[in-house]
PDB file of N, CA and C in Angstrom:
ATOM      1  N   MET A   1     -39.119 -42.134  55.587  1.00  0.00           N
ATOM      2  CA  MET A   1     -38.977 -41.260  55.803  1.00  0.00           C
ATOM      3  C   MET A   1     -38.546 -40.759  53.595  1.00  0.00           C
ATOM      4  N   VAL A   2     -39.009 -39.575  53.401  1.00  0.00           N
ATOM      5  CA  VAL A   2     -38.520 -39.435  52.063  1.00  0.00           C
ATOM      6  C   VAL A   2     -37.678 -38.683  52.001  1.00  0.00           C
ATOM      7  N   THR A   3     -36.669 -38.693  51.200  1.00  0.00           N
ATOM      8  CA  THR A   3     -35.445 -38.115  50.383  1.00  0.00           C
ATOM      9  C   THR A   3     -35.025 -37.567  49.329  1.00  0.00           C
ATOM     10  N   LYS A   4     -35.096 -36.423  49.735  1.00  0.00           N
ATOM     11  CA  LYS A   4     -35.554 -35.557  48.413  1.00  0.00           C
ATOM     12  C   LYS A   4     -33.452 -35.841  47.162  1.00  0.00           C
ATOM     13  N   LYS A   5     -34.016 -36.032  46.463  1.00  0.00           N
ATOM     14  CA  LYS A   5     -32.562 -36.178  44.883  1.00  0.00           C
ATOM     15  C   LYS A   5     -32.589 -34.782  44.366  1.00  0.00           C
ATOM     16  N   LYS A   6     -31.352 -34.470  44.740  1.00  0.00           N
ATOM     17  CA  LYS A   6     -31.146 -33.177  44.038  1.00  0.00           C
ATOM     18  C   LYS A   6     -30.519 -33.337  43.188  1.00  0.00           C
ATOM     19  N   ARG A   7     -31.254 -32.346  42.031  1.00  0.00           N
ATOM     20  CA  ARG A   7     -31.515 -31.722  40.958  1.00  0.00           C
ATOM     21  C   ARG A   7     -29.689 -31.748  40.359  1.00  0.00           C
ATOM     22  N   VAL A   8     -28.973 -32.441  39.137  1.00  0.00           N
ATOM     23  CA  VAL A   8     -27.605 -32.025  39.213  1.00  0.00           C
ATOM     24  C   VAL A   8     -27.685 -31.102  37.901  1.00  0.00           C
ATOM     25  N   THR A   9     -28.045 -29.917  37.529  1.00  0.00           N
ATOM     26  CA  THR A   9     -27.406 -29.685  36.175  1.00  0.00           C
ATOM     27  C   THR A   9     -25.866 -28.732  35.947  1.00  0.00           C
ATOM     28  N   LYS A  10     -25.665 -29.528  34.552  1.00  0.00           N
ATOM     29  CA  LYS A  10     -23.995 -28.814  34.036  1.00  0.00           C
ATOM     30  C   LYS A  10     -24.693 -27.502  34.264  1.00  0.00           C
ATOM     31  N   LYS A  11     -23.463 -27.046  34.204  1.00  0.00           N
ATOM     32  CA  LYS A  11     -23.225 -25.224  34.004  1.00  0.00           C
ATOM     33  C   LYS A  11     -22.841 -25.736  32.372  1.00  0.00           C
ATOM     34  N   LYS A  12     -23.167 -24.679  31.698  1.00  0.00           N
ATOM     35  CA  LYS A  12     -22.544 -24.833  30.914  1.00  0.00           C
ATOM     36  C   LYS A  12     -21.014 -23.466  30.580  1.00  0.00           C
ATOM     37  N   VAL A  13     -20.097 -24.051  30.180  1.00  0.00           N
ATOM     38  CA  VAL A  13     -18.913 -23.151  30.168  1.00  0.00           C
ATOM     39  C   VAL A  13     -18.207 -23.123  29.160  1.00  0.00           C
ATOM     40  N   ALA A  14     -18.091 -21.464  28.720  1.00  0.00           N
ATOM     41  CA  ALA A  14     -18.223 -21.122  27.795  1.00  0.00           C
ATOM     42  C   ALA A  14     -16.496 -20.975  27.353  1.00  0.00           C
ATOM     43  N   LYS A  15     -16.431 -21.616  26.557  1.00  0.00           N
ATOM     44  CA  LYS A  15     -15.067 -21.862  25.657  1.00  0.00           C
ATOM     45  C   LYS A  15     -14.557 -21.227  25.522  1.00  0.00           C
ATOM     46  N   SER A  16     -13.049 -20.336  25.564  1.00  0.00           N
ATOM     47  CA  SER A  16     -12.462 -19.645  24.990  1.00  0.00           C
ATOM     48  C   SER A  16     -11.588 -19.704  24.051  1.00  0.00           C
ATOM     49  N   THR A  17     -12.206 -18.813  22.785  1.00  0.00           N
ATOM     50  CA  THR A  17     -11.498 -19.133  21.604  1.00  0.00           C
ATOM     51  C   THR A  17     -10.317 -17.981  21.645  1.00  0.00           C
ATOM     52  N   THR A  18     -10.201 -16.975  22.385  1.00  0.00           N
ATOM     53  CA  THR A  18      -9.242 -16.209  21.562  1.00  0.00           C
ATOM     54  C   THR A  18      -7.860 -16.570  21.370  1.00  0.00           C
ATOM     55  N   ILE A  19      -7.365 -15.592  20.275  1.00  0.00           N
ATOM     56  CA  ILE A  19      -5.815 -15.644  20.385  1.00  0.00           C
ATOM     57  C   ILE A  19      -5.134 -14.614  21.198  1.00  0.00           C
ATOM     58  N   PRO A  20      -4.136 -15.496  21.854  1.00  0.00           N
ATOM     59  CA  PRO A  20      -3.186 -14.138  22.577  1.00  0.00           C
ATOM     60  C   PRO A  20      -3.203 -13.230  21.478  1.00  0.00           C
ATOM     61  N   LYS A  21      -2.853 -11.662  22.167  1.00  0.00           N
ATOM     62  CA  LYS A  21      -2.161 -10.670  21.444  1.00  0.00           C
ATOM     63  C   LYS A  21      -1.437 -10.387  21.644  1.00  0.00           C
ATOM     64  N   GLN A  22      -0.639 -10.230  20.118  1.00  0.00           N
ATOM     65  CA  GLN A  22       0.494 -10.111  19.551  1.00  0.00           C
ATOM     66  C   GLN A  22       0.607  -8.813  19.285  1.00  0.00           C
ATOM     67  N   SER A  23       1.744  -8.146  19.528  1.00  0.00           N
ATOM     68  CA  SER A  23       2.311  -6.651  19.007  1.00  0.00           C
ATOM     69  C   SER A  23       2.499  -6.655  18.033  1.00  0.00           C
ATOM     70  N   GLY A  24       2.125  -5.421  17.264  1.00  0.00           N
ATOM     71  CA  GLY A  24       2.394  -5.069  15.930  1.00  0.00           C
ATOM     72  C   GLY A  24       4.042  -5.504  15.176  1.00  0.00           C
ATOM     73  N   LEU A  25       4.931  -5.096  16.216  1.00  0.00           N
ATOM     74  CA  LEU A  25       6.130  -5.130  15.861  1.00  0.00           C
ATOM     75  C   LEU A  25       6.702  -6.403  15.837  1.00  0.00           C
ATOM     76  N   ALA A  26       5.732  -7.539  16.086  1.00  0.00           N
ATOM     77  CA  ALA A  26       6.168  -8.593  16.201  1.00  0.00           C
ATOM     78  C   ALA A  26       5.628  -9.398  15.200  1.00  0.00           C
ATOM     79  N   VAL A  27       4.144  -8.987  14.429  1.00  0.00           N
ATOM     80  CA  VAL A  27       3.372  -9.335  13.493  1.00  0.00           C
ATOM     81  C   VAL A  27       4.290  -8.938  12.847  1.00  0.00           C
ATOM     82  N   ALA A  28       4.696  -7.284  12.482  1.00  0.00           N
ATOM     83  CA  ALA A  28       5.569  -7.083  11.675  1.00  0.00           C
ATOM     84  C   ALA A  28       7.082  -7.708  11.622  1.00  0.00           C
ATOM     85  N   ALA A  29       7.782  -8.255  12.419  1.00  0.00           N
ATOM     86  CA  ALA A  29       9.046  -9.082  12.552  1.00  0.00           C
ATOM     87  C   ALA A  29       8.700 -10.635  11.582  1.00  0.00           C
ATOM     88  N   LEU A  30       7.700 -10.930  11.926  1.00  0.00           N
ATOM     89  CA  LEU A  30       6.955 -12.027  10.709  1.00  0.00           C
ATOM     90  C   LEU A  30       6.919 -11.898   9.545  1.00  0.00           C
ATOM     91  N   VAL A  31       6.193 -10.727   8.907  1.00  0.00           N
ATOM     92  CA  VAL A  31       5.877 -10.536   7.452  1.00  0.00           C
ATOM     93  C   VAL A  31       7.491 -10.547   7.062  1.00  0.00           C
ATOM     94  N   LEU A  32       7.794  -9.333   7.581  1.00  0.00           N
ATOM     95  CA  LEU A  32       9.319  -9.341   7.167  1.00  0.00           C
ATOM     96  C   LEU A  32      10.468 -10.195   7.093  1.00  0.00           C
ATOM     97  N   GLY A  33      10.194 -11.536   7.756  1.00  0.00           N
ATOM     98  CA  GLY A  33      10.793 -12.259   7.767  1.00  0.00           C
ATOM     99  C   GLY A  33      10.369 -13.625   6.782  1.00  0.00           C
ATOM    100  N   ILE A  34       9.378 -13.501   6.882  1.00  0.00           N
ATOM    101  CA  ILE A  34       8.563 -14.378   5.666  1.00  0.00           C
ATOM    102  C   ILE A  34       9.368 -13.679   3.973  1.00  0.00           C
ATOM    103  N   ILE A  35       8.924 -12.395   3.768  1.00  0.00           N
ATOM    104  CA  ILE A  35       9.447 -11.326   2.628  1.00  0.00           C
ATOM    105  C   ILE A  35      11.206 -11.307   2.458  1.00  0.00           C
ATOM    106  N   GLY A  36      12.136 -11.341   3.724  1.00  0.00           N
ATOM    107  CA  GLY A  36      13.243 -11.662   3.227  1.00  0.00           C
ATOM    108  C   GLY A  36      13.953 -12.673   2.691  1.00  0.00           C
ATOM    109  N   LEU A  37      13.059 -13.903   3.379  1.00  0.00           N
ATOM    110  CA  LEU A  37      13.627 -14.839   2.610  1.00  0.00           C
ATOM    111  C   LEU A  37      13.280 -15.073   0.857  1.00  0.00           C
ATOM    112  N   LEU A  38      12.375 -14.172   0.422  1.00  0.00           N
ATOM    113  CA  LEU A  38      12.019 -14.911  -0.489  1.00  0.00           C
ATOM    114  C   LEU A  38      11.999 -13.523  -1.465  1.00  0.00           C
ATOM    115  N   MET A  39      12.774 -12.512  -0.651  1.00  0.00           N
ATOM    116  CA  MET A  39      13.056 -11.308  -1.449  1.00  0.00           C
ATOM    117  C   MET A  39      14.353  -9.902  -1.942  1.00  0.00           C
ATOM    118  N   GLY A  40      14.733 -10.287  -0.689  1.00  0.00           N
ATOM    119  CA  GLY A  40      15.719  -9.492   0.330  1.00  0.00           C
ATOM    120  C   GLY A  40      16.232  -9.397   1.261  1.00  0.00           C
ATOM    121  N   PHE A  41      17.680  -8.656   1.093  1.00  0.00           N
ATOM    122  CA  PHE A  41      18.368  -8.527   2.634  1.00  0.00           C
ATOM    123  C   PHE A  41      18.169  -7.199   3.934  1.00  0.00           C
ATOM    124  N   VAL A  42      17.095  -6.300   3.285  1.00  0.00           N
ATOM    125  CA  VAL A  42      16.835  -5.426   3.707  1.00  0.00           C
ATOM    126  C   VAL A  42      15.382  -5.694   4.469  1.00  0.00           C
ATOM    127  N   PRO A  43      14.241  -6.432   3.776  1.00  0.00           N
ATOM    128  CA  PRO A  43      13.449  -6.927   4.467  1.00  0.00           C
ATOM    129  C   PRO A  43      13.804  -7.853   6.322  1.00  0.00           C
ATOM    130  N   ALA A  44      14.950  -8.780   5.492  1.00  0.00           N
ATOM    131  CA  ALA A  44      15.530  -9.882   6.783  1.00  0.00           C
ATOM    132  C   ALA A  44      16.071  -8.932   7.825  1.00  0.00           C
ATOM    133  N   VAL A  45      16.901  -7.924   7.308  1.00  0.00           N
ATOM    134  CA  VAL A  45      17.510  -7.122   8.606  1.00  0.00           C
ATOM    135  C   VAL A  45      16.294  -6.277   9.110  1.00  0.00           C
ATOM    136  N   LEU A  46      15.139  -5.487   8.880  1.00  0.00           N
ATOM    137  CA  LEU A  46      14.460  -5.491   9.290  1.00  0.00           C
ATOM    138  C   LEU A  46      13.368  -6.144  10.694  1.00  0.00           C
ATOM    139  N   ALA A  47      13.326  -7.662  10.078  1.00  0.00           N
ATOM    140  CA  ALA A  47      13.095  -8.549  10.951  1.00  0.00           C
ATOM    141  C   ALA A  47      13.635  -9.256  12.228  1.00  0.00           C
ATOM    142  N   ILE A  48      15.008  -8.744  11.691  1.00  0.00           N
ATOM    143  CA  ILE A  48      16.173  -9.255  12.650  1.00  0.00           C
ATOM    144  C   ILE A  48      16.306  -8.034  14.144  1.00  0.00           C
ATOM    145  N   ILE A  49      15.777  -6.743  13.502  1.00  0.00           N
ATOM    146  CA  ILE A  49      15.562  -5.828  14.796  1.00  0.00           C
ATOM    147  C   ILE A  49      14.083  -5.619  14.690  1.00  0.00           C
ATOM    148  N   PHE A  50      12.827  -5.695  14.534  1.00  0.00           N
ATOM    149  CA  PHE A  50      11.778  -5.782  15.133  1.00  0.00           C
ATOM    150  C   PHE A  50      11.634  -7.363  15.902  1.00  0.00           C
ATOM    151  N   GLY A  51      12.162  -8.192  15.649  1.00  0.00           N
ATOM    152  CA  GLY A  51      12.150  -9.581  16.474  1.00  0.00           C
ATOM    153  C   GLY A  51      13.014  -9.100  17.458  1.00  0.00           C
ATOM    154  N   ALA A  52      13.906  -8.700  17.581  1.00  0.00           N
ATOM    155  CA  ALA A  52      14.659  -8.800  18.669  1.00  0.00           C
ATOM    156  C   ALA A  52      14.306  -7.739  19.530  1.00  0.00           C
ATOM    157  N   MET A  53      13.136  -6.328  19.358  1.00  0.00           N
ATOM    158  CA  MET A  53      12.448  -5.371  20.372  1.00  0.00           C
ATOM    159  C   MET A  53      11.692  -6.675  20.701  1.00  0.00           C
ATOM    160  N   ARG A  54      10.616  -8.108  20.309  1.00  0.00           N
ATOM    161  CA  ARG A  54       9.991  -8.224  20.683  1.00  0.00           C
ATOM    162  C   ARG A  54       9.957  -9.893  20.807  1.00  0.00           C
ATOM    163  N   LYS A  55      11.163 -10.421  21.029  1.00  0.00           N
ATOM    164  CA  LYS A  55      11.275 -11.425  20.939  1.00  0.00           C
ATOM    165  C   LYS A  55      10.841 -12.040  22.217  1.00  0.00           C
ATOM    166  N   GLU A  56      10.401 -12.027  22.807  1.00  0.00           N
ATOM    167  CA  GLU A  56       9.747 -12.495  24.140  1.00  0.00           C
ATOM    168  C   GLU A  56       7.926 -13.241  23.402  1.00  0.00           C
ATOM    169  N   GLU A  57       7.885 -12.412  22.209  1.00  0.00           N
ATOM    170  CA  GLU A  57       6.087 -13.517  22.128  1.00  0.00           C
ATOM    171  C   GLU A  57       6.328 -13.981  21.232  1.00  0.00           C
ATOM    172  N   LYS A  58       5.738 -14.786  20.348  1.00  0.00           N
ATOM    173  CA  LYS A  58       6.307 -15.799  19.493  1.00  0.00           C
ATOM    174  C   LYS A  58       6.018 -15.140  18.108  1.00  0.00           C
ATOM    175  N   PHE A  59       5.812 -14.373  17.871  1.00  0.00           N
ATOM    176  CA  PHE A  59       5.389 -13.907  16.328  1.00  0.00           C
ATOM    177  C   PHE A  59       7.077 -13.213  16.130  1.00  0.00           C
ATOM    178  N   GLY A  60       6.760 -12.681  17.283  1.00  0.00           N
ATOM    179  CA  GLY A  60       9.091 -11.756  17.044  1.00  0.00           C
ATOM    180  C   GLY A  60       9.705 -12.856  17.033  1.00  0.00           C
ATOM    181  N   ARG A  61       9.675 -13.848  17.695  1.00  0.00           N
ATOM    182  CA  ARG A  61      10.880 -14.690  17.850  1.00  0.00           C
ATOM    183  C   ARG A  61      10.746 -15.118  16.266  1.00  0.00           C
ATOM    184  N   ILE A  62       9.823 -16.438  15.944  1.00  0.00           N
ATOM    185  CA  ILE A  62       9.587 -16.729  14.475  1.00  0.00           C
ATOM    186  C   ILE A  62      10.306 -15.695  13.504  1.00  0.00           C
ATOM    187  N   GLY A  63       9.655 -14.391  13.846  1.00  0.00           N
ATOM    188  CA  GLY A  63      10.229 -13.793  12.413  1.00  0.00           C
ATOM    189  C   GLY A  63      11.863 -13.025  12.503  1.00  0.00           C
ATOM    190  N   MET A  64      12.285 -13.148  13.734  1.00  0.00           N
ATOM    191  CA  MET A  64      13.835 -13.309  14.351  1.00  0.00           C
ATOM    192  C   MET A  64      14.703 -14.107  13.374  1.00  0.00           C
ATOM    193  N   ILE A  65      14.442 -15.512  14.178  1.00  0.00           N
ATOM    194  CA  ILE A  65      14.707 -16.087  13.169  1.00  0.00           C
ATOM    195  C   ILE A  65      14.654 -16.305  11.462  1.00  0.00           C
ATOM    196  N   LEU A  66      13.750 -16.160  11.188  1.00  0.00           N
ATOM    197  CA  LEU A  66      13.604 -16.277   9.692  1.00  0.00           C
ATOM    198  C   LEU A  66      14.538 -15.295   9.381  1.00  0.00           C
ATOM    199  N   GLY A  67      14.268 -14.034  10.369  1.00  0.00           N
ATOM    200  CA  GLY A  67      15.208 -12.674   9.432  1.00  0.00           C
ATOM    201  C   GLY A  67      16.380 -13.246   9.550  1.00  0.00           C
ATOM    202  N   ILE A  68      17.197 -14.134  10.490  1.00  0.00           N
ATOM    203  CA  ILE A  68      18.603 -14.488  10.294  1.00  0.00           C
ATOM    204  C   ILE A  68      18.849 -15.793   9.223  1.00  0.00           C
ATOM    205  N   ILE A  69      17.329 -16.742   9.243  1.00  0.00           N
ATOM    206  CA  ILE A  69      18.102 -17.137   7.915  1.00  0.00           C
ATOM    207  C   ILE A  69      17.645 -16.548   6.516  1.00  0.00           C
ATOM    208  N   GLY A  70      17.116 -15.930   6.569  1.00  0.00           N
ATOM    209  CA  GLY A  70      16.730 -14.698   5.287  1.00  0.00           C
ATOM    210  C   GLY A  70      18.755 -14.296   4.701  1.00  0.00           C
ATOM    211  N   VAL A  71      18.675 -13.230   5.906  1.00  0.00           N
ATOM    212  CA  VAL A  71      20.395 -12.780   6.150  1.00  0.00           C
ATOM    213  C   VAL A  71      21.766 -13.642   5.662  1.00  0.00           C
ATOM    214  N   VAL A  72      21.528 -14.546   5.938  1.00  0.00           N
ATOM    215  CA  VAL A  72      22.675 -16.238   5.547  1.00  0.00           C
ATOM    216  C   VAL A  72      22.504 -16.177   4.323  1.00  0.00           C
ATOM    217  N   ILE A  73      21.327 -16.473   4.223  1.00  0.00           N
ATOM    218  CA  ILE A  73      20.956 -16.868   2.630  1.00  0.00           C
ATOM    219  C   ILE A  73      21.435 -16.178   1.775  1.00  0.00           C
ATOM    220  N   TRP A  74      21.078 -14.510   1.783  1.00  0.00           N
ATOM    221  CA  TRP A  74      21.607 -13.673   0.873  1.00  0.00           C
ATOM    222  C   TRP A  74      22.758 -13.260   0.898  1.00  0.00           C
ATOM    223  N   ALA A  75      23.755 -12.978   2.021  1.00  0.00           N
ATOM    224  CA  ALA A  75      24.967 -13.396   2.393  1.00  0.00           C
ATOM    225  C   ALA A  75      25.464 -13.584   1.244  1.00  0.00           C
ATOM    226  N   VAL A  76      25.139 -15.547   1.385  1.00  0.00           N
ATOM    227  CA  VAL A  76      25.840 -16.524   0.179  1.00  0.00           C
ATOM    228  C   VAL A  76      25.588 -16.433  -1.072  1.00  0.00           C
ATOM    229  N   VAL A  77      24.158 -16.093  -1.492  1.00  0.00           N
ATOM    230  CA  VAL A  77      24.079 -15.706  -2.728  1.00  0.00           C
ATOM    231  C   VAL A  77      24.959 -14.144  -3.180  1.00  0.00           C
ATOM    232  N   PHE A  78      25.170 -13.128  -2.563  1.00  0.00           N
ATOM    233  CA  PHE A  78      25.934 -12.684  -2.541  1.00  0.00           C
ATOM    234  C   PHE A  78      27.518 -12.678  -2.669  1.00  0.00           C
ATOM    235  N   VAL A  79      27.829 -13.537  -2.396  1.00  0.00           N
ATOM    236  CA  VAL A  79      29.477 -14.061  -2.549  1.00  0.00           C
ATOM    237  C   VAL A  79      29.552 -14.676  -3.343  1.00  0.00           C
ATOM    238  N   ILE A  80      28.729 -15.854  -3.937  1.00  0.00           N
ATOM    239  CA  ILE A  80      28.733 -16.719  -5.110  1.00  0.00           C
ATOM    240  C   ILE A  80      28.551 -15.638  -6.386  1.00  0.00           C
ATOM    241  N   LEU A  81      27.535 -14.907  -6.032  1.00  0.00           N
ATOM    242  CA  LEU A  81      27.403 -13.564  -7.490  1.00  0.00           C
ATOM    243  C   LEU A  81      28.754 -13.026  -7.497  1.00  0.00           C
ATOM    244  N   MET A  82      29.325 -12.345  -6.474  1.00  0.00           N
ATOM    245  CA  MET A  82      30.490 -11.621  -6.601  1.00  0.00           C
ATOM    246  C   MET A  82      31.675 -12.704  -6.728  1.00  0.00           C
ATOM    247  N   ILE A  83      32.003 -13.831  -7.004  1.00  0.00           N
ATOM    248  CA  ILE A  83      33.371 -14.736  -7.200  1.00  0.00           C
ATOM    249  C   ILE A  83      32.224 -15.217  -8.667  1.00  0.00           C
ATOM    250  N   MET A  84      31.373 -15.101  -9.531  1.00  0.00           N
ATOM    251  CA  MET A  84      31.091 -14.848 -10.570  1.00  0.00           C
ATOM    252  C   MET A  84      31.679 -14.480 -11.184  1.00  0.00           C
ATOM    253  N   ILE A  85      31.482 -12.873 -10.974  1.00  0.00           N
ATOM    254  CA  ILE A  85      31.590 -11.908 -11.373  1.00  0.00           C
ATOM    255  C   ILE A  85      32.718 -11.510 -12.214  1.00  0.00           C
ATOM    256  N   ASN A  86      33.849 -11.786 -10.513  1.00  0.00           N
ATOM    257  CA  ASN A  86      34.847 -11.710 -10.521  1.00  0.00           C
ATOM    258  C   ASN A  86      36.156 -12.416 -11.594  1.00  0.00           C
ATOM    259  N   LEU A  87      35.373 -13.845 -11.713  1.00  0.00           N
ATOM    260  CA  LEU A  87      36.191 -14.461 -12.538  1.00  0.00           C
ATOM    261  C   LEU A  87      35.266 -14.835 -14.080  1.00  0.00           C
ATOM    262  N   ALA A  88      34.561 -13.569 -14.448  1.00  0.00           N
ATOM    263  CA  ALA A  88      34.156 -13.696 -15.642  1.00  0.00           C
ATOM    264  C   ALA A  88      34.550 -11.849 -16.610  1.00  0.00           C
ATOM    265  N   LEU A  89      35.155 -11.128 -15.172  1.00  0.00           N
ATOM    266  CA  LEU A  89      36.114 -10.339 -15.584  1.00  0.00           C
ATOM    267  C   LEU A  89      37.118 -10.541 -15.806  1.00  0.00           C
ATOM    268  N   SER A  90      37.647 -11.801 -15.158  1.00  0.00           N
ATOM    269  CA  SER A  90      39.190 -11.425 -15.248  1.00  0.00           C
ATOM    270  C   SER A  90      39.687 -13.000 -16.216  1.00  0.00           C
ATOM    271  N   GLY A  91      38.332 -13.297 -17.050  1.00  0.00           N
ATOM    272  CA  GLY A  91      38.716 -13.889 -18.537  1.00  0.00           C
ATOM    273  C   GLY A  91      38.400 -15.606 -17.645  1.00  0.00           C
ATOM    274  N   VAL A  92      38.979 -16.059 -16.886  1.00  0.00           N
ATOM    275  CA  VAL A  92      39.159 -17.107 -15.679  1.00  0.00           C
ATOM    276  C   VAL A  92      37.812 -18.567 -16.583  1.00  0.00           C
ATOM    277  N   ALA A  93      36.512 -17.967 -16.835  1.00  0.00           N
ATOM    278  CA  ALA A  93      35.400 -18.314 -17.063  1.00  0.00           C
ATOM    279  C   ALA A  93      35.435 -18.838 -18.320  1.00  0.00           C
ATOM    280  N   GLY A  94      36.194 -18.568 -19.292  1.00  0.00           N
ATOM    281  CA  GLY A  94      36.211 -18.510 -20.636  1.00  0.00           C
ATOM    282  C   GLY A  94      36.569 -19.786 -20.995  1.00  0.00           C
ATOM    283  N   ASN A  95      37.640 -20.201 -19.846  1.00  0.00           N
ATOM    284  CA  ASN A  95      38.864 -21.492 -20.228  1.00  0.00           C
ATOM    285  C   ASN A  95      38.139 -22.150 -18.972  1.00  0.00           C
ATOM    286  N   LEU A  96      37.006 -22.360 -18.480  1.00  0.00           N
ATOM    287  CA  LEU A  96      36.955 -23.587 -17.690  1.00  0.00           C
ATOM    288  C   LEU A  96      35.800 -24.565 -18.434  1.00  0.00           C
ATOM    289  N   PRO A  97      36.262 -26.053 -19.015  1.00  0.00           N
ATOM    290  CA  PRO A  97      35.509 -26.536 -19.443  1.00  0.00           C
ATOM    291  C   PRO A  97      33.986 -27.202 -18.489  1.00  0.00           C
ATOM    292  N   ILE A  98      33.631 -27.153 -19.489  1.00  0.00           N
ATOM    293  CA  ILE A  98      31.533 -27.925 -18.817  1.00  0.00           C
ATOM    294  C   ILE A  98      31.378 -28.272 -19.571  1.00  0.00           C
TER     295      ILE A  98
END
């Protein structure tokens, strides 16, 4: 009795290397969040708004977080600047020992 061996062939499976689609608002939130950290308050607020609209997407969530961090940083910088200006105008800064 002769048995035939079945030839086993491996099928080549194409690997999917596609990136999940992100919406434009999510990407805008990420970019504005980065810019808001470096340059100012307004882009950070826009990053929070756009990120909140697309918070279910990865870039939207990260952009919203960066926007919140940017707003906090720039608010602290603003308060420190106002305190320094107030001290300078009141004349107290001239009497401080440095």
